[in-house]
Amino acid sequence: MAFQNTLDGAASFCAALITSAVCGLPAWFTVMAVRAEIAPVWAYAAAGGLVMIGVILTLAFIRKGLAGVAPTRQRRR
């Protein structure tokens, strides 16, 4: 069981990395577009919202990874 919990934790850490990339890269490109005056200034709000969601989800997956819980579960197996 300990090996399975280790794999579940690793899967949660991978989910945290993927989540930070999926939320972080579009937010970064949005900020760069606003600075280059391609996008309107209100796009900063959208980028900020995406960053906030990404941070919350990433921290949740890291917490699950430290506890050895799979990303799609609430408790250990």
PDB file of N, CA and C in Angstrom:
ATOM      1  N   MET A   1       0.811  -1.200   0.000  1.00  0.00           N
ATOM      2  CA  MET A   1       0.000   0.000   0.000  1.00  0.00           C
ATOM      3  C   MET A   1       0.851   1.260   0.000  1.00  0.00           C
ATOM      4  N   ALA A   2       1.994   1.221   0.633  1.00  0.00           N
ATOM      5  CA  ALA A   2       2.841   2.415   0.706  1.00  0.00           C
ATOM      6  C   ALA A   2       3.333   2.817  -0.682  1.00  0.00           C
ATOM      7  N   PHE A   3       3.615   1.807  -1.525  1.00  0.00           N
ATOM      8  CA  PHE A   3       4.074   2.115  -2.877  1.00  0.00           C
ATOM      9  C   PHE A   3       2.966   2.783  -3.685  1.00  0.00           C
ATOM     10  N   GLN A   4       1.743   2.313  -3.499  1.00  0.00           N
ATOM     11  CA  GLN A   4       0.608   2.902  -4.204  1.00  0.00           C
ATOM     12  C   GLN A   4       0.367   4.342  -3.741  1.00  0.00           C
ATOM     13  N   ASN A   5       0.527   4.594  -2.445  1.00  0.00           N
ATOM     14  CA  ASN A   5       0.382   5.965  -1.943  1.00  0.00           C
ATOM     15  C   ASN A   5       1.472   6.871  -2.492  1.00  0.00           C
ATOM     16  N   THR A   6       2.667   6.323  -2.668  1.00  0.00           N
ATOM     17  CA  THR A   6       3.760   7.095  -3.249  1.00  0.00           C
ATOM     18  C   THR A   6       3.448   7.452  -4.700  1.00  0.00           C
ATOM     19  N   LEU A   7       2.933   6.492  -5.451  1.00  0.00           N
ATOM     20  CA  LEU A   7       2.556   6.774  -6.834  1.00  0.00           C
ATOM     21  C   LEU A   7       1.407   7.774  -6.917  1.00  0.00           C
ATOM     22  N   ASP A   8       0.449   7.646  -6.004  1.00  0.00           N
ATOM     23  CA  ASP A   8      -0.658   8.608  -5.970  1.00  0.00           C
ATOM     24  C   ASP A   8      -0.150  10.010  -5.659  1.00  0.00           C
ATOM     25  N   GLY A   9       0.793  10.113  -4.728  1.00  0.00           N
ATOM     26  CA  GLY A   9       1.383  11.410  -4.409  1.00  0.00           C
ATOM     27  C   GLY A   9       2.141  11.991  -5.585  1.00  0.00           C
ATOM     28  N   ALA A  10       2.877  11.134  -6.300  1.00  0.00           N
ATOM     29  CA  ALA A  10       3.602  11.598  -7.485  1.00  0.00           C
ATOM     30  C   ALA A  10       2.633  12.076  -8.561  1.00  0.00           C
ATOM     31  N   ALA A  11       1.519  11.377  -8.704  1.00  0.00           N
ATOM     32  CA  ALA A  11       0.505  11.809  -9.675  1.00  0.00           C
ATOM     33  C   ALA A  11      -0.072  13.168  -9.290  1.00  0.00           C
ATOM     34  N   SER A  12      -0.249  13.401  -8.009  1.00  0.00           N
ATOM     35  CA  SER A  12      -0.758  14.700  -7.562  1.00  0.00           C
ATOM     36  C   SER A  12       0.263  15.804  -7.814  1.00  0.00           C
ATOM     37  N   PHE A  13       1.541  15.508  -7.608  1.00  0.00           N
ATOM     38  CA  PHE A  13       2.568  16.507  -7.905  1.00  0.00           C
ATOM     39  C   PHE A  13       2.616  16.809  -9.403  1.00  0.00           C
ATOM     40  N   CYS A  14       2.457  15.787 -10.233  1.00  0.00           N
ATOM     41  CA  CYS A  14       2.402  16.015 -11.680  1.00  0.00           C
ATOM     42  C   CYS A  14       1.183  16.859 -12.048  1.00  0.00           C
ATOM     43  N   ALA A  15       0.065  16.591 -11.402  1.00  0.00           N
ATOM     44  CA  ALA A  15      -1.143  17.397 -11.640  1.00  0.00           C
ATOM     45  C   ALA A  15      -0.910  18.846 -11.236  1.00  0.00           C
ATOM     46  N   ALA A  16      -0.149  19.063 -10.162  1.00  0.00           N
ATOM     47  CA  ALA A  16       0.163  20.428  -9.738  1.00  0.00           C
ATOM     48  C   ALA A  16       1.015  21.136 -10.789  1.00  0.00           C
ATOM     49  N   LEU A  17       1.994  20.440 -11.347  1.00  0.00           N
ATOM     50  CA  LEU A  17       2.838  21.049 -12.381  1.00  0.00           C
ATOM     51  C   LEU A  17       2.031  21.370 -13.634  1.00  0.00           C
ATOM     52  N   ILE A  18       1.188  20.440 -14.038  1.00  0.00           N
ATOM     53  CA  ILE A  18       0.375  20.662 -15.234  1.00  0.00           C
ATOM     54  C   ILE A  18      -0.601  21.817 -15.014  1.00  0.00           C
ATOM     55  N   THR A  19      -1.190  21.865 -13.829  1.00  0.00           N
ATOM     56  CA  THR A  19      -2.133  22.952 -13.520  1.00  0.00           C
ATOM     57  C   THR A  19      -1.447  24.306 -13.549  1.00  0.00           C
ATOM     58  N   SER A  20      -0.247  24.375 -12.977  1.00  0.00           N
ATOM     59  CA  SER A  20       0.451  25.661 -12.975  1.00  0.00           C
ATOM     60  C   SER A  20       0.834  26.081 -14.391  1.00  0.00           C
ATOM     61  N   ALA A  21       1.162  25.118 -15.245  1.00  0.00           N
ATOM     62  CA  ALA A  21       1.484  25.450 -16.638  1.00  0.00           C
ATOM     63  C   ALA A  21       0.236  25.869 -17.413  1.00  0.00           C
ATOM     64  N   VAL A  22      -0.857  25.136 -17.220  1.00  0.00           N
ATOM     65  CA  VAL A  22      -2.094  25.424 -17.957  1.00  0.00           C
ATOM     66  C   VAL A  22      -2.662  26.786 -17.553  1.00  0.00           C
ATOM     67  N   CYS A  23      -2.518  27.151 -16.302  1.00  0.00           N
ATOM     68  CA  CYS A  23      -3.048  28.448 -15.854  1.00  0.00           C
ATOM     69  C   CYS A  23      -2.017  29.565 -15.973  1.00  0.00           C
ATOM     70  N   GLY A  24      -0.761  29.252 -15.776  1.00  0.00           N
ATOM     71  CA  GLY A  24       0.273  30.281 -15.751  1.00  0.00           C
ATOM     72  C   GLY A  24       0.666  30.814 -17.120  1.00  0.00           C
ATOM     73  N   LEU A  25       0.810  29.930 -18.090  1.00  0.00           N
ATOM     74  CA  LEU A  25       1.245  30.382 -19.409  1.00  0.00           C
ATOM     75  C   LEU A  25       0.237  31.313 -20.089  1.00  0.00           C
ATOM     76  N   PRO A  26      -1.053  30.976 -20.125  1.00  0.00           N
ATOM     77  CA  PRO A  26      -1.987  31.944 -20.732  1.00  0.00           C
ATOM     78  C   PRO A  26      -2.037  33.278 -19.980  1.00  0.00           C
ATOM     79  N   ALA A  27      -1.910  33.230 -18.659  1.00  0.00           N
ATOM     80  CA  ALA A  27      -1.907  34.472 -17.892  1.00  0.00           C
ATOM     81  C   ALA A  27      -0.682  35.305 -18.242  1.00  0.00           C
ATOM     82  N   TRP A  28       0.466  34.665 -18.382  1.00  0.00           N
ATOM     83  CA  TRP A  28       1.693  35.382 -18.734  1.00  0.00           C
ATOM     84  C   TRP A  28       1.579  35.998 -20.123  1.00  0.00           C
ATOM     85  N   PHE A  29       1.047  35.214 -21.076  1.00  0.00           N
ATOM     86  CA  PHE A  29       0.885  35.748 -22.430  1.00  0.00           C
ATOM     87  C   PHE A  29      -0.127  36.888 -22.466  1.00  0.00           C
ATOM     88  N   THR A  30      -1.144  36.826 -21.623  1.00  0.00           N
ATOM     89  CA  THR A  30      -2.112  37.912 -21.546  1.00  0.00           C
ATOM     90  C   THR A  30      -1.451  39.188 -21.042  1.00  0.00           C
ATOM     91  N   VAL A  31      -0.633  39.064 -20.014  1.00  0.00           N
ATOM     92  CA  VAL A  31       0.083  40.235 -19.487  1.00  0.00           C
ATOM     93  C   VAL A  31       1.024  40.799 -20.548  1.00  0.00           C
ATOM     94  N   MET A  32       1.704  39.931 -21.266  1.00  0.00           N
ATOM     95  CA  MET A  32       2.604  40.407 -22.323  1.00  0.00           C
ATOM     96  C   MET A  32       1.821  41.101 -23.446  1.00  0.00           C
ATOM     97  N   ALA A  33       0.624  40.597 -23.753  1.00  0.00           N
ATOM     98  CA  ALA A  33      -0.195  41.216 -24.791  1.00  0.00           C
ATOM     99  C   ALA A  33      -0.685  42.597 -24.356  1.00  0.00           C
ATOM    100  N   VAL A  34      -1.022  42.740 -23.083  1.00  0.00           N
ATOM    101  CA  VAL A  34      -1.458  44.053 -22.590  1.00  0.00           C
ATOM    102  C   VAL A  34      -0.288  45.025 -22.617  1.00  0.00           C
ATOM    103  N   ARG A  35       0.873  44.561 -22.218  1.00  0.00           N
ATOM    104  CA  ARG A  35       2.057  45.453 -22.234  1.00  0.00           C
ATOM    105  C   ARG A  35       2.440  45.873 -23.653  1.00  0.00           C
ATOM    106  N   ALA A  36       2.207  44.984 -24.613  1.00  0.00           N
ATOM    107  CA  ALA A  36       2.503  45.312 -26.009  1.00  0.00           C
ATOM    108  C   ALA A  36       1.360  46.082 -26.661  1.00  0.00           C
ATOM    109  N   GLU A  37       0.329  46.396 -25.887  1.00  0.00           N
ATOM    110  CA  GLU A  37      -0.843  47.131 -26.331  1.00  0.00           C
ATOM    111  C   GLU A  37      -1.612  46.405 -27.429  1.00  0.00           C
ATOM    112  N   ILE A  38      -1.580  45.075 -27.381  1.00  0.00           N
ATOM    113  CA  ILE A  38      -2.373  44.251 -28.293  1.00  0.00           C
ATOM    114  C   ILE A  38      -3.736  43.977 -27.676  1.00  0.00           C
ATOM    115  N   ALA A  39      -3.752  43.768 -26.368  1.00  0.00           N
ATOM    116  CA  ALA A  39      -4.989  43.488 -25.636  1.00  0.00           C
ATOM    117  C   ALA A  39      -5.362  44.705 -24.797  1.00  0.00           C
ATOM    118  N   PRO A  40      -6.650  44.855 -24.474  1.00  0.00           N
ATOM    119  CA  PRO A  40      -7.068  45.988 -23.638  1.00  0.00           C
ATOM    120  C   PRO A  40      -6.601  45.814 -22.187  1.00  0.00           C
ATOM    121  N   VAL A  41      -6.600  46.905 -21.458  1.00  0.00           N
ATOM    122  CA  VAL A  41      -6.098  46.904 -20.083  1.00  0.00           C
ATOM    123  C   VAL A  41      -6.941  46.018 -19.172  1.00  0.00           C
ATOM    124  N   TRP A  42      -8.259  45.899 -19.451  1.00  0.00           N
ATOM    125  CA  TRP A  42      -9.101  45.072 -18.590  1.00  0.00           C
ATOM    126  C   TRP A  42      -8.714  43.600 -18.652  1.00  0.00           C
ATOM    127  N   ALA A  43      -7.881  43.201 -19.600  1.00  0.00           N
ATOM    128  CA  ALA A  43      -7.435  41.814 -19.683  1.00  0.00           C
ATOM    129  C   ALA A  43      -6.550  41.443 -18.489  1.00  0.00           C
ATOM    130  N   TYR A  44      -6.008  42.456 -17.802  1.00  0.00           N
ATOM    131  CA  TYR A  44      -5.271  42.172 -16.563  1.00  0.00           C
ATOM    132  C   TYR A  44      -6.173  41.459 -15.556  1.00  0.00           C
ATOM    133  N   ALA A  45      -7.449  41.830 -15.503  1.00  0.00           N
ATOM    134  CA  ALA A  45      -8.385  41.187 -14.571  1.00  0.00           C
ATOM    135  C   ALA A  45      -8.561  39.712 -14.907  1.00  0.00           C
ATOM    136  N   ALA A  46      -8.668  39.409 -16.182  1.00  0.00           N
ATOM    137  CA  ALA A  46      -8.800  38.008 -16.598  1.00  0.00           C
ATOM    138  C   ALA A  46      -7.534  37.226 -16.253  1.00  0.00           C
ATOM    139  N   ALA A  47      -6.382  37.829 -16.477  1.00  0.00           N
ATOM    140  CA  ALA A  47      -5.122  37.161 -16.148  1.00  0.00           C
ATOM    141  C   ALA A  47      -5.000  36.954 -14.643  1.00  0.00           C
ATOM    142  N   GLY A  48      -5.405  37.934 -13.872  1.00  0.00           N
ATOM    143  CA  GLY A  48      -5.367  37.806 -12.408  1.00  0.00           C
ATOM    144  C   GLY A  48      -6.290  36.709 -11.917  1.00  0.00           C
ATOM    145  N   GLY A  49      -7.486  36.629 -12.492  1.00  0.00           N
ATOM    146  CA  GLY A  49      -8.412  35.555 -12.117  1.00  0.00           C
ATOM    147  C   GLY A  49      -7.853  34.189 -12.450  1.00  0.00           C
ATOM    148  N   LEU A  50      -7.236  34.070 -13.612  1.00  0.00           N
ATOM    149  CA  LEU A  50      -6.642  32.795 -14.003  1.00  0.00           C
ATOM    150  C   LEU A  50      -5.493  32.415 -13.077  1.00  0.00           C
ATOM    151  N   VAL A  51      -4.705  33.395 -12.677  1.00  0.00           N
ATOM    152  CA  VAL A  51      -3.602  33.128 -11.747  1.00  0.00           C
ATOM    153  C   VAL A  51      -4.139  32.676 -10.393  1.00  0.00           C
ATOM    154  N   MET A  52      -5.188  33.327  -9.907  1.00  0.00           N
ATOM    155  CA  MET A  52      -5.762  32.955  -8.611  1.00  0.00           C
ATOM    156  C   MET A  52      -6.299  31.520  -8.634  1.00  0.00           C
ATOM    157  N   ILE A  53      -7.023  31.167  -9.690  1.00  0.00           N
ATOM    158  CA  ILE A  53      -7.531  29.805  -9.820  1.00  0.00           C
ATOM    159  C   ILE A  53      -6.380  28.816  -9.896  1.00  0.00           C
ATOM    160  N   GLY A  54      -5.357  29.155 -10.660  1.00  0.00           N
ATOM    161  CA  GLY A  54      -4.197  28.269 -10.786  1.00  0.00           C
ATOM    162  C   GLY A  54      -3.473  28.055  -9.471  1.00  0.00           C
ATOM    163  N   VAL A  55      -3.330  29.125  -8.687  1.00  0.00           N
ATOM    164  CA  VAL A  55      -2.653  29.011  -7.388  1.00  0.00           C
ATOM    165  C   VAL A  55      -3.454  28.122  -6.439  1.00  0.00           C
ATOM    166  N   ILE A  56      -4.767  28.327  -6.402  1.00  0.00           N
ATOM    167  CA  ILE A  56      -5.614  27.524  -5.510  1.00  0.00           C
ATOM    168  C   ILE A  56      -5.544  26.050  -5.887  1.00  0.00           C
ATOM    169  N   LEU A  57      -5.679  25.745  -7.177  1.00  0.00           N
ATOM    170  CA  LEU A  57      -5.639  24.345  -7.611  1.00  0.00           C
ATOM    171  C   LEU A  57      -4.255  23.725  -7.412  1.00  0.00           C
ATOM    172  N   THR A  58      -3.215  24.495  -7.703  1.00  0.00           N
ATOM    173  CA  THR A  58      -1.858  23.971  -7.531  1.00  0.00           C
ATOM    174  C   THR A  58      -1.577  23.649  -6.069  1.00  0.00           C
ATOM    175  N   LEU A  59      -1.969  24.542  -5.170  1.00  0.00           N
ATOM    176  CA  LEU A  59      -1.766  24.269  -3.742  1.00  0.00           C
ATOM    177  C   LEU A  59      -2.577  23.068  -3.274  1.00  0.00           C
ATOM    178  N   ALA A  60      -3.777  22.896  -3.816  1.00  0.00           N
ATOM    179  CA  ALA A  60      -4.585  21.733  -3.448  1.00  0.00           C
ATOM    180  C   ALA A  60      -3.919  20.445  -3.912  1.00  0.00           C
ATOM    181  N   PHE A  61      -3.372  20.437  -5.122  1.00  0.00           N
ATOM    182  CA  PHE A  61      -2.692  19.236  -5.608  1.00  0.00           C
ATOM    183  C   PHE A  61      -1.398  18.972  -4.840  1.00  0.00           C
ATOM    184  N   ILE A  62      -0.692  20.014  -4.447  1.00  0.00           N
ATOM    185  CA  ILE A  62       0.527  19.820  -3.654  1.00  0.00           C
ATOM    186  C   ILE A  62       0.174  19.231  -2.294  1.00  0.00           C
ATOM    187  N   ARG A  63      -0.911  19.728  -1.685  1.00  0.00           N
ATOM    188  CA  ARG A  63      -1.359  19.183  -0.405  1.00  0.00           C
ATOM    189  C   ARG A  63      -1.711  17.707  -0.545  1.00  0.00           C
ATOM    190  N   LYS A  64      -2.390  17.358  -1.616  1.00  0.00           N
ATOM    191  CA  LYS A  64      -2.727  15.956  -1.862  1.00  0.00           C
ATOM    192  C   LYS A  64      -1.466  15.131  -2.097  1.00  0.00           C
ATOM    193  N   GLY A  65      -0.512  15.696  -2.809  1.00  0.00           N
ATOM    194  CA  GLY A  65       0.729  14.980  -3.064  1.00  0.00           C
ATOM    195  C   GLY A  65       1.496  14.688  -1.790  1.00  0.00           C
ATOM    196  N   LEU A  66       1.532  15.634  -0.879  1.00  0.00           N
ATOM    197  CA  LEU A  66       2.220  15.425   0.398  1.00  0.00           C
ATOM    198  C   LEU A  66       1.507  14.387   1.253  1.00  0.00           C
ATOM    199  N   ALA A  67       0.185  14.278   1.091  1.00  0.00           N
ATOM    200  CA  ALA A  67      -0.587  13.304   1.863  1.00  0.00           C
ATOM    201  C   ALA A  67      -0.634  11.937   1.185  1.00  0.00           C
ATOM    202  N   GLY A  68      -0.151  11.833  -0.049  1.00  0.00           N
ATOM    203  CA  GLY A  68      -0.177  10.567  -0.761  1.00  0.00           C
ATOM    204  C   GLY A  68      -1.542  10.219  -1.320  1.00  0.00           C
ATOM    205  N   VAL A  69      -2.306  11.238  -1.680  1.00  0.00           N
ATOM    206  CA  VAL A  69      -3.656  11.042  -2.203  1.00  0.00           C
ATOM    207  C   VAL A  69      -3.624  11.281  -3.709  1.00  0.00           C
ATOM    208  N   ALA A  70      -4.328  10.441  -4.458  1.00  0.00           N
ATOM    209  CA  ALA A  70      -4.409  10.601  -5.908  1.00  0.00           C
ATOM    210  C   ALA A  70      -5.157  11.892  -6.240  1.00  0.00           C
ATOM    211  N   PRO A  71      -4.885  12.482  -7.406  1.00  0.00           N
ATOM    212  CA  PRO A  71      -5.524  13.751  -7.752  1.00  0.00           C
ATOM    213  C   PRO A  71      -7.049  13.672  -7.852  1.00  0.00           C
ATOM    214  N   THR A  72      -7.581  12.510  -8.197  1.00  0.00           N
ATOM    215  CA  THR A  72      -9.026  12.382  -8.379  1.00  0.00           C
ATOM    216  C   THR A  72      -9.746  11.838  -7.157  1.00  0.00           C
ATOM    217  N   ARG A  73      -9.028  11.637  -6.078  1.00  0.00           N
ATOM    218  CA  ARG A  73      -9.635  11.091  -4.860  1.00  0.00           C
ATOM    219  C   ARG A  73      -9.577  12.114  -3.740  1.00  0.00           C
ATOM    220  N   GLN A  74     -10.369  11.874  -2.703  1.00  0.00           N
ATOM    221  CA  GLN A  74     -10.369  12.752  -1.532  1.00  0.00           C
ATOM    222  C   GLN A  74      -9.588  12.145  -0.378  1.00  0.00           C
ATOM    223  N   ARG A  75      -9.472  10.818  -0.375  1.00  0.00           N
ATOM    224  CA  ARG A  75      -8.758  10.127   0.696  1.00  0.00           C
ATOM    225  C   ARG A  75      -7.802   9.106   0.120  1.00  0.00           C
ATOM    226  N   ARG A  76      -6.915   8.608   0.954  1.00  0.00           N
ATOM    227  CA  ARG A  76      -6.022   7.536   0.539  1.00  0.00           C
ATOM    228  C   ARG A  76      -6.811   6.281   0.227  1.00  0.00           C
ATOM    229  N   ARG A  77      -6.219   5.457  -0.615  1.00  0.00           N
ATOM    230  CA  ARG A  77      -6.861   4.164  -0.915  1.00  0.00           C
ATOM    231  C   ARG A  77      -6.643   3.206   0.210  1.00  0.00           C
TER     232      ARG A  77
END
